[in-house]
Structures are given as structure tokens and as C-alpha cells.
Protein backbone atom coordinates (compact mmCIF):
# COMPACT_ATOMS: atom_id res chain seq x y z
CA MET A 1 0.00 -0.02 -0.06
CA SER A 2 1.46 3.33 -1.05
CA LYS A 3 1.57 6.44 1.12
CA VAL A 4 0.18 9.76 -0.02
CA LEU A 5 1.84 12.87 1.42
CA CYS A 6 0.47 16.40 1.72
CA THR A 7 3.09 18.66 0.12
CA LYS A 8 1.83 21.67 2.15
CA CYS A 9 1.96 20.04 5.61
CA ASP A 10 4.48 17.20 5.07
CA ARG A 11 2.11 14.77 6.77
CA ALA A 12 0.70 11.38 5.56
CA MET A 13 -2.82 11.82 4.26
CA VAL A 14 -5.64 9.70 5.67
CA ARG A 15 -7.55 7.36 3.43
CA GLU A 16 -11.25 8.54 3.86
CA ASP A 17 -12.78 6.05 1.41
CA SER A 18 -11.63 3.19 -0.78
CA GLY A 19 -13.12 2.34 -4.15
CA VAL A 20 -14.56 5.76 -5.08
CA LEU A 21 -15.71 6.04 -8.66
CA VAL A 22 -13.87 8.22 -11.15
CA ARG A 23 -15.21 9.20 -14.60
CA GLU A 24 -12.44 9.86 -17.11
CA LEU A 25 -13.75 12.47 -19.63
CA TYR A 26 -12.73 13.32 -23.19
CA GLN A 27 -13.86 15.49 -26.12
CA LYS A 28 -13.61 18.75 -24.18
CA ASN A 29 -14.84 16.96 -21.07
CA ALA A 30 -18.26 16.23 -22.62
CA LYS A 31 -18.12 12.45 -22.86
CA VAL A 32 -17.17 9.64 -20.42
CA TYR A 33 -14.24 7.65 -21.75
CA LYS A 34 -13.60 5.31 -18.82
CA TYR A 35 -14.69 4.50 -15.24
CA TRP A 36 -12.07 3.82 -12.61
CA HIS A 37 -11.91 2.81 -8.94
CA ALA A 38 -9.53 4.85 -6.77
CA ASP A 39 -9.11 5.90 -3.11
CA PHE A 40 -10.02 9.25 -1.57
CA PHE A 41 -7.56 10.86 0.78
CA ARG A 42 -7.67 13.90 3.10
CA CYS A 43 -4.90 15.75 4.90
CA PRO A 44 -5.57 15.69 8.68
CA CYS A 45 -3.83 19.05 9.08
CA CYS A 46 -5.02 21.31 6.25
CA GLY A 47 -7.92 19.32 4.81
CA ILE A 48 -6.76 19.16 1.24
CA GLU A 49 -8.36 16.27 -0.59
CA VAL A 50 -6.88 14.00 -3.37
CA VAL A 51 -7.90 10.95 -5.34
CA ALA A 52 -5.07 8.43 -5.81
CA ASP A 53 -4.14 4.77 -5.88
CA PHE A 54 -6.10 4.04 -9.11
CA ALA A 55 -6.79 0.52 -10.14
CA ASP A 56 -4.50 -1.11 -12.68
CA ARG A 57 -7.25 -1.33 -15.18
CA PRO A 58 -10.50 0.72 -15.79
CA LEU A 59 -13.78 -0.81 -14.75
CA ALA A 60 -15.32 0.02 -18.17
CA THR A 61 -14.35 1.85 -21.31
CA CYS A 62 -16.42 3.61 -24.03
CA PHE A 63 -15.96 0.52 -26.20
CA GLU A 64 -17.99 -1.63 -23.74
CA ASP A 65 -21.58 -0.40 -24.05
CA ASP A 66 -23.09 -2.81 -21.41
CA LYS A 67 -20.45 -1.98 -18.75
CA MET A 68 -20.72 1.73 -19.48
CA LEU A 69 -24.41 1.62 -18.94
CA GLU A 70 -23.96 -0.17 -15.64
CA PHE A 71 -21.44 2.28 -14.37
CA LYS A 72 -23.51 5.26 -15.51
CA LYS A 73 -26.20 4.08 -13.11
CA ALA A 74 -23.60 3.48 -10.38
CA ALA A 75 -22.24 6.99 -11.05
CA LYS A 76 -25.67 8.57 -10.24
CA TYR A 77 -25.67 6.78 -6.90
CA GLU A 78 -22.02 7.76 -5.99
CA GLU A 79 -22.67 11.35 -7.02
CA GLY A 80 -25.43 11.50 -4.40
CA ARG A 81 -22.94 10.25 -1.83
CA GLY A 82 -20.40 12.86 -2.93
CA ARG A 83 -17.98 10.08 -3.94
CA LEU A 84 -17.93 10.63 -7.76
CA PHE A 85 -15.05 12.44 -9.25
CA ASP A 86 -14.33 13.64 -12.83
CA TRP A 87 -10.93 13.27 -14.44
CA LYS A 88 -10.85 15.99 -17.01
CA GLU A 89 -8.64 16.35 -20.04
CA GLY A 90 -6.49 19.31 -20.97
CA PRO A 91 -5.21 22.34 -19.10
CA CYS A 92 -6.96 23.92 -16.07
């Protein structure tokens, strides 16, 4: 298991949740390309939050229609829990 450090506080971040759902977006962030599982961390000192420790492979890709539909439904549920994150392409 890897450690995640806060670069502001130089402290190990705390894993708040495992297996959060991440949507990887493309085409100017308008379409979902892949769904991933990752872990959600928070710094105990300053409260900065990060998503890290992604799975080795995506849960679904845009080439797998059935899986994408399944995870689209799961994404609505996770969004209600505040545990859905978007991975956007391009610069900030």
C-alpha cells in the first residue's frame, strides 16, 4: 500500500474512502471515456483532498456499451454520496 503525502503540511494523508468512482472524460470533457476505482484521501492538518491509488485497469471503457451503462447508473448513486469524481482532459 502506497503512502500519500501532503506537500503543504508534510504529513501522511488519511484514506477517507476506498473504491470511489472516477469518470475519465474526453472530447472537451463532454463524454465519459472510462470509469475507474480509486481511493479518496484527506490531509488531517489542512484538509486538502486528493484521489489516488487508481486500479491497474479501468472498470469500463467507451468501447464496452453494457459495462458503461452499468457504471453510468452507479455514477448517479455515487454522485449523491459525494464520492464521484471527474478526471478532465487538458489544461486547467
